C-alpha atoms as a PDB file:
ATOM      1  CA  UNK A   1       4.664   4.780   0.062  1.00  0.00           C
ATOM      2  CA  UNK A   2       7.185   2.035  -0.601  1.00  0.00           C
ATOM      3  CA  UNK A   3       6.635  -1.408  -2.024  1.00  0.00           C
ATOM      4  CA  UNK A   4       5.675  -4.197   0.362  1.00  0.00           C
ATOM      5  CA  UNK A   5       8.577  -6.131   1.871  1.00  0.00           C
ATOM      6  CA  UNK A   6       8.350  -9.777   2.827  1.00  0.00           C
ATOM      7  CA  UNK A   7       9.703 -11.781   5.711  1.00  0.00           C
ATOM      8  CA  UNK A   8       9.333 -15.484   6.454  1.00  0.00           C
ATOM      9  CA  UNK A   9       8.916 -16.217  10.140  1.00  0.00           C
ATOM     10  CA  UNK A  10       8.323 -19.693  11.556  1.00  0.00           C
ATOM     11  CA  UNK A  11       7.325 -21.015   8.137  1.00  0.00           C
ATOM     12  CA  UNK A  12       4.795 -18.266   7.339  1.00  0.00           C
ATOM     13  CA  UNK A  13       5.215 -15.298   4.988  1.00  0.00           C
ATOM     14  CA  UNK A  14       4.343 -11.801   6.175  1.00  0.00           C
ATOM     15  CA  UNK A  15       4.263  -8.546   4.193  1.00  0.00           C
ATOM     16  CA  UNK A  16       4.922  -5.119   5.634  1.00  0.00           C
ATOM     17  CA  UNK A  17       5.413  -1.642   4.233  1.00  0.00           C
ATOM     18  CA  UNK A  18       7.799   1.022   5.507  1.00  0.00           C
ATOM     19  CA  UNK A  19       5.897   4.306   5.877  1.00  0.00           C
ATOM     20  CA  UNK A  20       8.800   6.536   6.944  1.00  0.00           C
ATOM     21  CA  UNK A  21      10.074   8.500   3.943  1.00  0.00           C
ATOM     22  CA  UNK A  22      13.707   9.201   4.846  1.00  0.00           C
ATOM     23  CA  UNK A  23      15.753   6.679   6.811  1.00  0.00           C
ATOM     24  CA  UNK A  24      19.435   7.197   7.569  1.00  0.00           C
ATOM     25  CA  UNK A  25      21.908   6.209  10.278  1.00  0.00           C
ATOM     26  CA  UNK A  26      20.570   8.947  12.597  1.00  0.00           C
ATOM     27  CA  UNK A  27      16.974   7.695  12.409  1.00  0.00           C
ATOM     28  CA  UNK A  28      15.581   6.643  15.789  1.00  0.00           C
ATOM     29  CA  UNK A  29      11.957   5.965  14.812  1.00  0.00           C
ATOM     30  CA  UNK A  30      10.500   4.105  11.812  1.00  0.00           C
ATOM     31  CA  UNK A  31       6.809   3.684  11.011  1.00  0.00           C
ATOM     32  CA  UNK A  32       5.667   0.476   9.280  1.00  0.00           C
ATOM     33  CA  UNK A  33       2.352  -1.038   8.256  1.00  0.00           C
ATOM     34  CA  UNK A  34       1.827  -4.725   9.097  1.00  0.00           C
ATOM     35  CA  UNK A  35      -1.513  -6.384   8.288  1.00  0.00           C
ATOM     36  CA  UNK A  36      -3.201  -2.987   7.974  1.00  0.00           C
ATOM     37  CA  UNK A  37      -1.928  -1.914  11.393  1.00  0.00           C
ATOM     38  CA  UNK A  38       0.519   0.978  11.767  1.00  0.00           C
ATOM     39  CA  UNK A  39       3.434   0.264  14.121  1.00  0.00           C
ATOM     40  CA  UNK A  40       6.343   2.422  15.276  1.00  0.00           C
ATOM     41  CA  UNK A  41       9.770   0.830  15.586  1.00  0.00           C
ATOM     42  CA  UNK A  42      12.123   2.710  17.921  1.00  0.00           C
ATOM     43  CA  UNK A  43      15.631   2.220  19.223  1.00  0.00           C
ATOM     44  CA  UNK A  44      15.692   1.577  22.976  1.00  0.00           C
ATOM     45  CA  UNK A  45      18.404   2.570  25.459  1.00  0.00           C
ATOM     46  CA  UNK A  46      20.435  -0.590  24.812  1.00  0.00           C
ATOM     47  CA  UNK A  47      20.471   0.075  21.044  1.00  0.00           C
ATOM     48  CA  UNK A  48      17.995  -2.669  20.111  1.00  0.00           C
ATOM     49  CA  UNK A  49      15.067  -1.950  17.796  1.00  0.00           C
ATOM     50  CA  UNK A  50      11.612  -2.705  19.195  1.00  0.00           C
ATOM     51  CA  UNK A  51       7.969  -1.735  18.627  1.00  0.00           C
ATOM     52  CA  UNK A  52       6.142   0.825  20.787  1.00  0.00           C
ATOM     53  CA  UNK A  53       2.607  -0.441  20.171  1.00  0.00           C
ATOM     54  CA  UNK A  54       2.543  -3.880  21.704  1.00  0.00           C
ATOM     55  CA  UNK A  55      -0.587  -5.889  22.422  1.00  0.00           C
ATOM     56  CA  UNK A  56      -1.145  -9.345  23.856  1.00  0.00           C
ATOM     57  CA  UNK A  57      -2.176 -10.714  20.447  1.00  0.00           C
ATOM     58  CA  UNK A  58       1.094  -9.612  18.802  1.00  0.00           C
ATOM     59  CA  UNK A  59       3.824 -12.120  18.171  1.00  0.00           C
ATOM     60  CA  UNK A  60       6.750 -10.335  19.861  1.00  0.00           C
ATOM     61  CA  UNK A  61       9.359 -12.470  18.088  1.00  0.00           C
ATOM     62  CA  UNK A  62       7.836 -11.644  14.683  1.00  0.00           C
ATOM     63  CA  UNK A  63       7.866  -7.921  15.405  1.00  0.00           C
ATOM     64  CA  UNK A  64      11.468  -8.060  16.659  1.00  0.00           C
ATOM     65  CA  UNK A  65      12.445  -9.940  13.486  1.00  0.00           C
ATOM     66  CA  UNK A  66      10.818  -7.273  11.323  1.00  0.00           C
ATOM     67  CA  UNK A  67      12.568  -4.520  13.302  1.00  0.00           C
ATOM     68  CA  UNK A  68      15.901  -6.328  12.911  1.00  0.00           C
ATOM     69  CA  UNK A  69      15.243  -6.809   9.190  1.00  0.00           C
ATOM     70  CA  UNK A  70      14.544  -3.096   8.682  1.00  0.00           C
ATOM     71  CA  UNK A  71      17.659  -2.123  10.675  1.00  0.00           C
ATOM     72  CA  UNK A  72      19.811  -4.447   8.577  1.00  0.00           C
ATOM     73  CA  UNK A  73      18.258  -3.272   5.297  1.00  0.00           C
ATOM     74  CA  UNK A  74      19.103   0.357   6.042  1.00  0.00           C
ATOM     75  CA  UNK A  75      22.369  -0.456   7.856  1.00  0.00           C
ATOM     76  CA  UNK A  76      21.234   1.107  11.107  1.00  0.00           C
ATOM     77  CA  UNK A  77      23.142   0.394  14.289  1.00  0.00           C
END
């Protein structure tokens, strides 16, 4: 398990942990833990990263920001 990563979104700090062990440029699916909830980030047909498990209570912009942050961190396209 990796160390928690932080992101500031709309003035609030959030912590998440990347659960996937090996991430490289060929990775198409990444598992993260956000607020004790396990989410799967995947690359869609247009090449954008998004989360599979989406509920009404989720903040979609926050989750997209986390997905973008992970993609930038690991230099994924």
